[in-house]
Amino acid sequence: MLLFIICLAALALAYKFYSPFIERQAGIDKSAKTPQTRFADGVDYVEVHPVKAFLIQFLNIAGVGPIFGPILGAIYGPIALVWIVLGNIIGGAVHDYFSGVLSIKEDGKSLPEIAGRYFNVYAKGMMLLFTAMLLFFVGVVFIMSPAGLLSSLDYFEGTILANNTFWVLVILAYYFLATMLPIDKIITKLYPIFGLLMIVMTVSIGVALLISAPQLPEMGSLFAYFDHSHYNNDLLAPNPDGLPVWPLLFVTITCGAISGFHSTQAPIMARCLTNEKYVRPVYYGAMTCEGVVACVWALAGMAAFPGGYMELKSLLDAGGPGMVINQVATTYLGVAGGVMAIIAVAVFPITSGDTAFRSLRLTIIDAFKIPQNVRNRLLVAVPILVIAYFMTKIDFTLIWRYFAFSNMLLSTSVLWLATKYLFDRGAFHWIVSLPAIGGTSVTVSYIMTAGIGLGLPQSISQPVGIAVGAVSLIALILVHLKRKPGVKAEAETES
């Protein structure tokens, strides 16, 4: 519990003291006209109050990501909390912030367009591929998971509501409306409500855990995956399967720590903010809050079960994170918790899926310079959703693996893009370049190890991943030393 409290304090202190330093590097101009002011169209460029924008951004990036991932990662023990907080402060919040900065300074454009602007057409093509792939997988995943849950509820047994295909079609119909309609028709009306609900649920679970003081793992279990000898019963030790922490923990817990999906959502609110000064509270602030959500659910996974990690593992094997959410919520919050659990597992994924498809529409329209009218929005949205329907027939676990890899790959790419932005400004680029190097190392290790990649043993993939990171660092240092003098002064003059 002490570690949990330290983690929450670290997130708060990072927002208070670290985020203003990052903002100074970004060159925020409070007097500049934002994309919303210059391109107001009543569809995507619509004025949104900053508080509402924060809640929408929070829900856009959150969904069930900071709940599912930390519950799965809790099997590794308290080291999961350490990764969430370090990942959030060093990587995730910075990644999300610069995603917003780059978009608002580039007319609210999507990532591929920005990559083409700062690099070249090949970078634009690669970023378009990464972004479209991730958004599509996110959309499909968040059709399948809520449809599966809703069709399995006991209340619907024996009716058409117990049919999985029925719920897939209902969710797709909603996605169609959310993708097509102006942002102020559905998203800006419903999302703030659901965002508040997630905050209430998180605070309620966190307070319940503090008050009830469940059986907590020892601080020594931070390193128990190296040595279980200090446990009287190995069943209580974390990471009972002995899974390699590097790189699997970093892939298991992304939302709350760092997630490439968040960058795909940046243009949605970047087109709606009325001043650049709101970028920090909306983007950095939303990611900080997501880190809190992730910490609460990681603690719940580690602390809420008397049978320890083996009981958690059994629940995950039997029903996945949804079963853990239901048991934790109903145990600590009663009937209200049960209702919140259903909403968390069924509704929150949908709030990520609809904006994923909306972002995919925006990305395609930006990339191919397609005029914004109803006919063109239909021509883009309908084929995407039809293909998504047939993709729901594929094995869920396969889709999830591709989602996890593309998520990690995109976050690393965005950090390198932010590095180029700060490098050109002559600003302190190490705040994004060092996390980019770490992300590159993890990505290489994962793709060499994973079944969807090369499937090599850990003894090969880990050293190669570390070596790639080291080479990237050396190369960056050399480029940094060759930077032309006076660039920083020019950037400061412009800002």
Protein backbone atom coordinates (compact mmCIF):
# COMPACT_ATOMS: atom_id res chain seq x y z
CA MET A 1 0.00 0.00 0.00
CA LEU A 2 2.94 2.31 0.68
CA LEU A 3 4.20 1.70 -2.86
CA PHE A 4 0.71 2.44 -4.23
CA ILE A 5 0.56 5.78 -2.38
CA ILE A 6 4.07 6.67 -3.56
CA CYS A 7 2.98 5.93 -7.14
CA LEU A 8 -0.05 8.24 -6.90
CA ALA A 9 2.09 10.98 -5.38
CA ALA A 10 4.67 10.59 -8.15
CA LEU A 11 2.00 11.02 -10.84
CA ALA A 12 0.67 14.16 -9.15
CA LEU A 13 4.14 15.65 -8.70
CA ALA A 14 5.03 14.90 -12.33
CA TYR A 15 2.00 16.85 -13.53
CA LYS A 16 2.76 19.72 -11.16
CA PHE A 17 6.48 20.10 -11.87
CA TYR A 18 7.54 18.04 -14.90
CA SER A 19 4.73 18.88 -17.32
CA PRO A 20 5.41 22.68 -17.23
CA PHE A 21 9.04 21.97 -18.17
CA ILE A 22 7.85 19.85 -21.10
CA GLU A 23 5.41 22.58 -22.12
CA ARG A 24 8.27 25.09 -22.30
CA GLN A 25 10.14 22.84 -24.75
CA ALA A 26 7.09 22.51 -26.99
CA GLY A 27 6.83 26.19 -27.90
CA ILE A 28 3.20 26.69 -26.92
CA ASP A 29 1.81 29.98 -28.25
CA LYS A 30 -1.24 31.13 -26.29
CA SER A 31 -1.90 33.90 -28.82
CA ALA A 32 -1.97 31.63 -31.89
CA LYS A 33 -5.23 30.88 -33.66
CA THR A 34 -6.06 27.19 -33.26
CA PRO A 35 -7.31 24.89 -36.04
CA GLN A 36 -10.82 25.12 -34.57
CA THR A 37 -10.80 28.88 -35.02
CA ARG A 38 -9.42 28.77 -38.57
CA PHE A 39 -11.24 25.75 -40.00
CA ALA A 40 -14.59 25.59 -38.15
CA ASP A 41 -16.81 23.25 -40.21
CA GLY A 42 -19.52 22.05 -37.81
CA VAL A 43 -18.41 18.42 -38.20
CA ASP A 44 -14.92 17.86 -36.75
CA TYR A 45 -13.66 21.41 -36.14
CA VAL A 46 -16.16 22.29 -33.41
CA GLU A 47 -15.51 24.39 -30.30
CA VAL A 48 -15.47 22.29 -27.11
CA HIS A 49 -15.02 23.60 -23.57
CA PRO A 50 -11.62 22.51 -22.15
CA VAL A 51 -13.18 20.64 -19.20
CA LYS A 52 -15.41 18.69 -21.55
CA ALA A 53 -12.45 18.20 -23.88
CA PHE A 54 -10.45 16.70 -21.00
CA LEU A 55 -13.23 14.22 -20.16
CA ILE A 56 -13.63 13.25 -23.81
CA GLN A 57 -9.88 12.79 -24.28
CA PHE A 58 -9.70 10.79 -21.04
CA LEU A 59 -12.42 8.41 -22.19
CA ASN A 60 -11.04 8.27 -25.75
CA ILE A 61 -7.70 6.97 -24.52
CA ALA A 62 -8.99 4.99 -21.54
CA GLY A 63 -11.85 2.65 -22.41
CA VAL A 64 -10.97 -0.62 -20.69
CA GLY A 65 -7.27 -0.37 -21.52
CA PRO A 66 -6.12 0.91 -18.09
CA ILE A 67 -8.33 -1.74 -16.46
CA PHE A 68 -7.68 -4.88 -18.55
CA GLY A 69 -3.92 -4.36 -19.00
CA PRO A 70 -3.06 -3.73 -15.32
CA ILE A 71 -5.19 -6.68 -14.20
CA LEU A 72 -3.29 -8.93 -16.60
CA GLY A 73 -0.01 -7.33 -15.53
CA ALA A 74 -0.81 -7.71 -11.82
CA ILE A 75 0.28 -11.34 -12.12
CA TYR A 76 3.87 -10.01 -12.16
CA GLY A 77 3.39 -8.47 -8.71
CA PRO A 78 4.24 -4.94 -7.45
CA ILE A 79 6.74 -4.44 -10.29
CA ALA A 80 3.62 -3.72 -12.38
CA LEU A 81 2.97 -0.55 -10.33
CA VAL A 82 6.56 0.58 -10.85
CA TRP A 83 6.27 0.11 -14.63
CA ILE A 84 2.94 1.95 -14.82
CA VAL A 85 4.26 5.04 -13.04
CA LEU A 86 7.70 5.17 -14.67
CA GLY A 87 6.20 4.42 -18.07
CA ASN A 88 3.55 7.10 -17.59
CA ILE A 89 5.90 9.85 -16.40
CA ILE A 90 8.84 9.17 -18.71
CA GLY A 91 6.96 7.94 -21.75
CA GLY A 92 3.16 7.91 -21.82
CA ALA A 93 2.26 11.41 -20.66
CA VAL A 94 5.05 12.94 -22.77
CA HIS A 95 3.93 10.87 -25.77
CA ASP A 96 0.31 11.98 -25.39
CA TYR A 97 1.24 15.60 -24.84
CA PHE A 98 3.36 15.86 -27.98
CA SER A 99 0.70 14.01 -29.96
CA GLY A 100 -1.62 16.88 -29.09
CA VAL A 101 1.04 19.55 -29.68
CA LEU A 102 1.98 18.22 -33.12
CA SER A 103 -1.65 17.95 -34.19
CA ILE A 104 -2.79 21.37 -32.98
CA LYS A 105 0.24 23.04 -34.56
CA GLU A 106 -0.34 21.21 -37.85
CA ASP A 107 -3.98 22.23 -38.42
CA GLY A 108 -5.41 19.29 -36.46
CA LYS A 109 -4.01 16.82 -38.96
CA SER A 110 -3.49 13.12 -38.39
CA LEU A 111 -0.14 11.47 -37.68
CA PRO A 112 0.71 10.33 -41.23
CA GLU A 113 0.37 13.89 -42.53
CA ILE A 114 2.58 15.21 -39.74
CA ALA A 115 5.19 12.49 -40.39
CA GLY A 116 5.26 13.49 -44.06
CA ARG A 117 5.76 17.11 -43.04
CA TYR A 118 8.71 16.43 -40.71
CA PHE A 119 10.34 13.54 -42.57
CA ASN A 120 9.30 12.50 -46.10
CA VAL A 121 6.63 10.71 -48.13
CA TYR A 122 8.02 7.31 -47.14
CA ALA A 123 7.65 8.13 -43.45
CA LYS A 124 4.12 9.29 -44.21
CA GLY A 125 3.34 5.97 -45.89
CA MET A 126 4.76 3.92 -43.02
CA MET A 127 2.91 6.00 -40.41
CA LEU A 128 -0.30 5.67 -42.43
CA LEU A 129 0.11 1.89 -42.44
CA PHE A 130 0.88 1.71 -38.69
CA THR A 131 -1.96 4.07 -37.78
CA ALA A 132 -4.61 2.45 -39.98
CA MET A 133 -3.61 -1.03 -38.81
CA LEU A 134 -3.81 -0.09 -35.14
CA LEU A 135 -7.09 1.82 -35.44
CA PHE A 136 -8.68 -1.03 -37.33
CA PHE A 137 -7.55 -3.65 -34.79
CA VAL A 138 -8.73 -1.45 -31.90
CA GLY A 139 -12.14 -1.06 -33.54
CA VAL A 140 -12.50 -4.81 -34.15
CA VAL A 141 -11.30 -5.75 -30.65
CA PHE A 142 -13.82 -3.34 -29.12
CA ILE A 143 -16.64 -4.84 -31.14
CA MET A 144 -15.83 -8.39 -30.13
CA SER A 145 -15.21 -7.93 -26.39
CA PRO A 146 -18.40 -6.04 -25.43
CA ALA A 147 -20.53 -8.17 -27.79
CA GLY A 148 -19.18 -11.32 -26.14
CA LEU A 149 -19.91 -10.00 -22.65
CA LEU A 150 -23.43 -8.75 -23.38
CA SER A 151 -24.47 -11.95 -25.15
CA SER A 152 -23.26 -14.05 -22.19
CA LEU A 153 -25.22 -12.21 -19.45
CA ASP A 154 -27.66 -14.45 -17.58
CA TYR A 155 -30.39 -11.81 -17.90
CA PHE A 156 -30.57 -12.38 -21.68
CA GLU A 157 -30.53 -16.18 -21.70
CA GLY A 158 -33.06 -17.66 -24.09
CA THR A 159 -33.65 -14.43 -26.02
CA ILE A 160 -32.20 -12.88 -29.15
CA LEU A 161 -30.09 -10.72 -26.82
CA ALA A 162 -28.04 -13.84 -26.06
CA ASN A 163 -26.93 -13.94 -29.70
CA ASN A 164 -23.41 -12.62 -30.22
CA THR A 165 -24.08 -11.57 -33.84
CA PHE A 166 -27.01 -9.44 -32.70
CA TRP A 167 -24.78 -7.37 -30.43
CA VAL A 168 -22.04 -7.14 -33.08
CA LEU A 169 -24.57 -5.59 -35.48
CA VAL A 170 -25.95 -3.23 -32.80
CA ILE A 171 -22.46 -2.00 -31.90
CA LEU A 172 -21.56 -1.60 -35.59
CA ALA A 173 -24.72 0.48 -36.12
CA TYR A 174 -23.69 2.77 -33.27
CA TYR A 175 -20.14 2.97 -34.64
CA PHE A 176 -21.57 4.04 -37.99
CA LEU A 177 -23.44 6.94 -36.38
CA ALA A 178 -20.47 8.00 -34.24
CA THR A 179 -18.17 7.88 -37.27
CA MET A 180 -20.48 9.82 -39.57
CA LEU A 181 -22.21 12.43 -37.40
CA PRO A 182 -20.70 15.76 -36.31
CA ILE A 183 -18.71 15.41 -33.10
CA ASP A 184 -21.17 17.53 -31.09
CA LYS A 185 -24.11 15.20 -31.82
CA ILE A 186 -23.02 12.12 -29.85
CA ILE A 187 -19.44 12.22 -28.58
CA THR A 188 -19.44 15.59 -26.82
CA LYS A 189 -22.80 14.77 -25.18
CA LEU A 190 -22.20 11.20 -23.93
CA TYR A 191 -18.46 11.01 -23.33
CA PRO A 192 -18.22 13.50 -20.45
CA ILE A 193 -20.86 11.45 -18.58
CA PHE A 194 -19.01 8.17 -19.11
CA GLY A 195 -15.71 9.86 -18.28
CA LEU A 196 -17.10 10.98 -14.93
CA LEU A 197 -18.45 7.46 -14.36
CA MET A 198 -14.99 5.98 -14.86
CA ILE A 199 -13.53 8.49 -12.40
CA VAL A 200 -16.22 7.67 -9.80
CA MET A 201 -15.67 3.93 -10.26
CA THR A 202 -11.89 4.27 -9.93
CA VAL A 203 -12.08 6.45 -6.82
CA SER A 204 -14.64 4.10 -5.24
CA ILE A 205 -12.50 1.01 -5.81
CA GLY A 206 -9.36 2.82 -4.62
CA VAL A 207 -10.99 4.05 -1.41
CA ALA A 208 -12.51 0.61 -0.76
CA LEU A 209 -9.09 -1.02 -1.08
CA LEU A 210 -7.54 1.54 1.30
CA ILE A 211 -10.28 1.08 3.90
CA SER A 212 -10.58 -2.70 3.74
CA ALA A 213 -6.80 -3.23 3.87
CA PRO A 214 -6.80 -6.56 2.00
CA GLN A 215 -3.95 -9.01 2.17
CA LEU A 216 -1.17 -7.20 0.34
CA PRO A 217 2.02 -8.61 -1.17
CA GLU A 218 5.27 -7.71 0.58
CA MET A 219 7.52 -4.99 -0.82
CA GLY A 220 10.12 -7.72 -1.26
CA SER A 221 7.93 -9.25 -3.94
CA LEU A 222 9.04 -6.45 -6.25
CA PHE A 223 11.92 -8.76 -7.12
CA ALA A 224 10.26 -12.11 -6.46
CA TYR A 225 10.28 -13.09 -10.13
CA PHE A 226 14.06 -13.39 -9.72
CA ASP A 227 13.96 -15.33 -6.47
CA HIS A 228 10.96 -16.99 -4.79
CA SER A 229 13.05 -18.45 -1.94
CA HIS A 230 11.75 -16.01 0.70
CA TYR A 231 8.18 -17.27 0.23
CA ASN A 232 6.90 -20.04 2.48
CA ASN A 233 4.40 -20.92 -0.23
CA ASP A 234 5.30 -20.50 -3.90
CA LEU A 235 1.58 -20.20 -4.70
CA LEU A 236 1.62 -16.75 -3.08
CA ALA A 237 4.60 -15.55 -5.09
CA PRO A 238 4.02 -13.23 -8.05
CA ASN A 239 4.58 -14.34 -11.64
CA PRO A 240 3.86 -18.03 -10.89
CA ASP A 241 4.46 -18.98 -14.55
CA GLY A 242 7.93 -17.44 -14.49
CA LEU A 243 7.19 -15.28 -17.56
CA PRO A 244 9.97 -12.95 -18.74
CA VAL A 245 9.30 -9.46 -17.48
CA TRP A 246 11.30 -8.02 -20.39
CA PRO A 247 9.59 -7.44 -22.75
CA LEU A 248 6.22 -9.02 -21.85
CA LEU A 249 5.26 -6.72 -18.96
CA PHE A 250 5.79 -3.67 -21.19
CA VAL A 251 3.45 -5.12 -23.80
CA THR A 252 0.87 -6.39 -21.32
CA ILE A 253 0.44 -2.99 -19.62
CA THR A 254 0.32 -0.27 -22.26
CA CYS A 255 -2.67 1.93 -21.43
CA GLY A 256 -1.75 3.71 -18.22
CA ALA A 257 1.96 3.49 -19.07
CA ILE A 258 2.36 4.26 -22.79
CA SER A 259 0.07 3.47 -25.73
CA GLY A 260 0.36 4.35 -29.41
CA PHE A 261 -3.42 4.27 -29.73
CA HIS A 262 -3.60 7.52 -27.76
CA SER A 263 -1.75 9.39 -30.50
CA THR A 264 -4.41 8.37 -33.03
CA GLN A 265 -7.01 10.12 -30.87
CA ALA A 266 -5.06 13.38 -30.63
CA PRO A 267 -6.54 15.05 -33.75
CA ILE A 268 -10.12 14.67 -32.47
CA MET A 269 -9.69 17.18 -29.63
CA ALA A 270 -6.89 19.13 -31.38
CA ARG A 271 -9.58 20.24 -33.83
CA CYS A 272 -11.82 21.41 -30.99
CA LEU A 273 -9.55 23.35 -28.58
CA THR A 274 -9.76 27.14 -28.65
CA ASN A 275 -6.28 27.84 -27.23
CA GLU A 276 -2.93 26.03 -27.27
CA LYS A 277 -2.66 26.52 -23.49
CA TYR A 278 -5.27 23.77 -23.04
CA VAL A 279 -3.05 21.10 -24.60
CA ARG A 280 -1.25 20.33 -21.32
CA PRO A 281 -4.32 19.84 -19.08
CA VAL A 282 -6.25 17.99 -21.78
CA TYR A 283 -3.54 15.62 -23.08
CA TYR A 284 -0.95 15.36 -20.31
CA GLY A 285 -3.71 15.59 -17.68
CA ALA A 286 -5.81 12.82 -19.25
CA MET A 287 -2.81 10.49 -19.39
CA THR A 288 -1.93 11.23 -15.77
CA CYS A 289 -5.48 10.30 -14.76
CA GLU A 290 -5.24 7.13 -16.80
CA GLY A 291 -2.11 6.26 -14.85
CA VAL A 292 -4.11 6.57 -11.62
CA VAL A 293 -6.80 4.25 -13.02
CA ALA A 294 -4.14 1.72 -14.00
CA CYS A 295 -2.53 1.82 -10.54
CA VAL A 296 -5.87 1.23 -8.81
CA TRP A 297 -6.68 -1.82 -10.93
CA ALA A 298 -3.17 -3.24 -10.69
CA LEU A 299 -3.47 -2.97 -6.89
CA ALA A 300 -6.90 -4.60 -7.03
CA GLY A 301 -5.51 -7.50 -9.03
CA MET A 302 -2.63 -8.02 -6.60
CA ALA A 303 -4.43 -7.42 -3.33
CA ALA A 304 -8.08 -8.40 -3.60
CA PHE A 305 -7.76 -12.19 -3.59
CA PRO A 306 -6.92 -14.22 -0.47
CA GLY A 307 -5.53 -17.02 -2.65
CA GLY A 308 -2.88 -14.65 -3.97
CA TYR A 309 -1.52 -14.73 -7.48
CA MET A 310 -2.66 -18.29 -8.19
CA GLU A 311 -6.26 -17.28 -7.49
CA LEU A 312 -5.84 -14.28 -9.79
CA LYS A 313 -4.34 -16.55 -12.46
CA SER A 314 -7.24 -19.01 -12.13
CA LEU A 315 -9.80 -16.22 -12.60
CA LEU A 316 -7.95 -14.88 -15.62
CA ASP A 317 -7.76 -18.36 -17.15
CA ALA A 318 -11.46 -18.95 -16.52
CA GLY A 319 -12.99 -15.67 -17.66
CA GLY A 320 -10.31 -13.12 -18.43
CA PRO A 321 -10.09 -9.61 -16.92
CA GLY A 322 -13.88 -9.22 -17.10
CA MET A 323 -14.36 -11.84 -14.40
CA VAL A 324 -11.77 -10.14 -12.18
CA ILE A 325 -13.48 -6.76 -12.64
CA ASN A 326 -16.85 -8.25 -11.74
CA GLN A 327 -15.53 -9.98 -8.60
CA VAL A 328 -13.59 -6.93 -7.38
CA ALA A 329 -16.46 -4.50 -8.04
CA THR A 330 -19.19 -6.65 -6.49
CA THR A 331 -17.03 -7.59 -3.49
CA TYR A 332 -16.15 -4.01 -2.57
CA LEU A 333 -19.10 -2.02 -3.95
CA GLY A 334 -22.01 -4.46 -3.82
CA VAL A 335 -24.91 -4.10 -6.28
CA ALA A 336 -23.70 -0.70 -7.47
CA GLY A 337 -20.31 -2.27 -8.15
CA GLY A 338 -21.92 -5.00 -10.24
CA VAL A 339 -23.64 -2.39 -12.40
CA MET A 340 -20.39 -0.44 -12.74
CA ALA A 341 -18.54 -3.64 -13.68
CA ILE A 342 -20.96 -4.37 -16.54
CA ILE A 343 -20.66 -0.78 -17.75
CA ALA A 344 -16.87 -0.93 -17.48
CA VAL A 345 -16.58 -4.11 -19.55
CA ALA A 346 -19.40 -3.42 -22.02
CA VAL A 347 -19.68 0.35 -22.47
CA PHE A 348 -16.12 1.61 -21.99
CA PRO A 349 -14.72 -0.55 -24.84
CA ILE A 350 -17.38 0.87 -27.14
CA THR A 351 -16.26 4.40 -26.32
CA SER A 352 -12.80 3.48 -27.61
CA GLY A 353 -14.04 1.57 -30.64
CA ASP A 354 -16.24 4.36 -32.00
CA THR A 355 -13.49 6.98 -31.82
CA ALA A 356 -11.04 4.47 -33.34
CA PHE A 357 -13.19 4.22 -36.46
CA ARG A 358 -13.81 7.97 -36.46
CA SER A 359 -10.05 8.56 -36.27
CA LEU A 360 -9.53 6.06 -39.08
CA ARG A 361 -11.97 8.03 -41.24
CA LEU A 362 -10.13 11.26 -40.44
CA THR A 363 -6.76 9.64 -41.19
CA ILE A 364 -7.89 8.37 -44.60
CA ILE A 365 -9.56 11.67 -45.50
CA ASP A 366 -6.42 13.61 -44.52
CA ALA A 367 -4.05 11.26 -46.34
CA PHE A 368 -5.91 11.34 -49.64
CA LYS A 369 -7.19 14.93 -49.42
CA ILE A 370 -10.84 13.85 -49.63
CA PRO A 371 -13.36 16.72 -49.22
CA GLN A 372 -15.50 16.58 -46.07
CA ASN A 373 -19.08 15.96 -47.19
CA VAL A 374 -21.72 13.36 -46.37
CA ARG A 375 -21.20 11.34 -49.55
CA ASN A 376 -17.44 11.04 -49.05
CA ARG A 377 -17.81 10.22 -45.36
CA LEU A 378 -20.16 7.40 -46.35
CA LEU A 379 -17.76 6.10 -49.00
CA VAL A 380 -15.00 5.89 -46.40
CA ALA A 381 -16.98 4.71 -43.35
CA VAL A 382 -19.17 1.96 -44.88
CA PRO A 383 -16.35 -0.21 -46.35
CA ILE A 384 -14.37 0.08 -43.10
CA LEU A 385 -17.28 -1.16 -40.99
CA VAL A 386 -18.22 -3.94 -43.43
CA ILE A 387 -14.66 -5.29 -43.35
CA ALA A 388 -14.67 -4.94 -39.54
CA TYR A 389 -17.79 -7.13 -39.36
CA PHE A 390 -16.08 -9.98 -41.19
CA MET A 391 -12.96 -9.52 -39.07
CA THR A 392 -15.02 -10.30 -35.97
CA LYS A 393 -15.22 -13.89 -37.24
CA ILE A 394 -11.47 -14.29 -36.69
CA ASP A 395 -10.02 -15.62 -33.42
CA PHE A 396 -10.01 -12.82 -30.82
CA THR A 397 -6.60 -13.73 -29.37
CA LEU A 398 -4.95 -13.40 -32.80
CA ILE A 399 -6.47 -9.93 -33.31
CA TRP A 400 -5.33 -8.92 -29.81
CA ARG A 401 -1.71 -9.96 -30.47
CA TYR A 402 -1.54 -7.83 -33.61
CA PHE A 403 -3.17 -4.97 -31.71
CA ALA A 404 -0.55 -5.19 -28.93
CA PHE A 405 2.37 -5.13 -31.36
CA SER A 406 1.01 -2.33 -33.57
CA ASN A 407 0.21 -0.30 -30.42
CA MET A 408 3.79 -0.52 -29.20
CA LEU A 409 5.25 0.13 -32.66
CA LEU A 410 3.16 3.27 -33.16
CA SER A 411 4.00 4.77 -29.75
CA THR A 412 7.70 4.41 -30.52
CA SER A 413 7.23 6.00 -33.95
CA VAL A 414 5.42 8.98 -32.43
CA LEU A 415 8.22 9.51 -29.91
CA TRP A 416 10.74 9.62 -32.76
CA LEU A 417 8.49 12.10 -34.58
CA ALA A 418 8.40 14.29 -31.46
CA THR A 419 12.18 13.99 -31.26
CA LYS A 420 12.46 15.44 -34.76
CA TYR A 421 10.07 18.26 -33.81
CA LEU A 422 12.12 19.25 -30.75
CA PHE A 423 15.41 18.71 -32.54
CA ASP A 424 14.35 21.15 -35.25
CA ARG A 425 13.35 23.68 -32.60
CA GLY A 426 16.69 23.31 -30.84
CA ALA A 427 14.83 22.35 -27.68
CA PHE A 428 15.69 19.69 -25.08
CA HIS A 429 14.81 16.63 -27.18
CA TRP A 430 16.02 14.05 -24.63
CA ILE A 431 12.60 14.10 -22.92
CA VAL A 432 11.23 12.20 -25.93
CA SER A 433 14.32 10.73 -27.59
CA LEU A 434 15.36 8.62 -24.59
CA PRO A 435 11.87 7.05 -24.25
CA ALA A 436 11.95 6.50 -28.04
CA ILE A 437 15.19 4.54 -27.68
CA GLY A 438 13.66 2.45 -24.88
CA GLY A 439 10.56 1.80 -26.99
CA THR A 440 12.70 0.76 -29.94
CA SER A 441 14.58 -1.72 -27.77
CA VAL A 442 11.37 -3.26 -26.36
CA THR A 443 9.73 -3.40 -29.80
CA VAL A 444 12.68 -5.24 -31.34
CA SER A 445 12.84 -7.69 -28.42
CA TYR A 446 9.11 -8.38 -28.63
CA ILE A 447 8.89 -8.96 -32.38
CA MET A 448 11.89 -11.30 -32.21
CA THR A 449 10.27 -13.30 -29.39
CA ALA A 450 6.56 -13.24 -30.22
CA GLY A 451 4.76 -15.96 -32.14
CA ILE A 452 3.52 -13.37 -34.64
CA GLY A 453 7.16 -12.38 -35.18
CA LEU A 454 10.33 -14.47 -35.43
CA GLY A 455 9.64 -16.72 -32.44
CA LEU A 456 13.28 -16.70 -31.28
CA PRO A 457 14.29 -17.62 -27.70
CA GLN A 458 14.69 -14.94 -25.02
CA SER A 459 18.42 -15.59 -24.86
CA ILE A 460 18.72 -14.11 -28.35
CA SER A 461 15.93 -11.52 -28.50
CA GLN A 462 16.75 -9.71 -25.25
CA PRO A 463 20.43 -8.98 -26.01
CA VAL A 464 19.58 -7.99 -29.59
CA GLY A 465 16.88 -5.58 -28.37
CA ILE A 466 19.26 -4.01 -25.86
CA ALA A 467 21.98 -3.76 -28.50
CA VAL A 468 19.62 -1.99 -30.92
CA GLY A 469 18.73 0.48 -28.16
CA ALA A 470 22.40 1.11 -27.43
CA VAL A 471 23.21 1.70 -31.11
CA SER A 472 20.24 4.09 -31.38
CA LEU A 473 21.51 6.04 -28.37
CA ILE A 474 25.05 6.32 -29.78
CA ALA A 475 23.70 7.42 -33.17
CA LEU A 476 21.51 10.06 -31.54
CA ILE A 477 24.39 11.41 -29.48
CA LEU A 478 26.49 11.77 -32.64
CA VAL A 479 23.67 13.57 -34.45
CA HIS A 480 23.12 15.79 -31.41
CA LEU A 481 26.78 16.80 -31.33
CA LYS A 482 26.65 17.74 -35.02
CA ARG A 483 23.59 19.95 -34.58
CA LYS A 484 24.20 23.34 -36.13
CA PRO A 485 24.89 26.13 -33.62
CA GLY A 486 22.23 28.78 -33.47
CA VAL A 487 19.30 26.47 -34.15
CA LYS A 488 18.12 26.75 -30.57
CA ALA A 489 18.27 30.53 -30.66
CA GLU A 490 16.23 30.61 -33.88
CA ALA A 491 13.62 28.32 -32.36
CA GLU A 492 13.37 30.46 -29.23
CA THR A 493 13.00 33.59 -31.38
CA GLU A 494 10.15 31.98 -33.34
CA SER A 495 8.38 30.88 -30.17
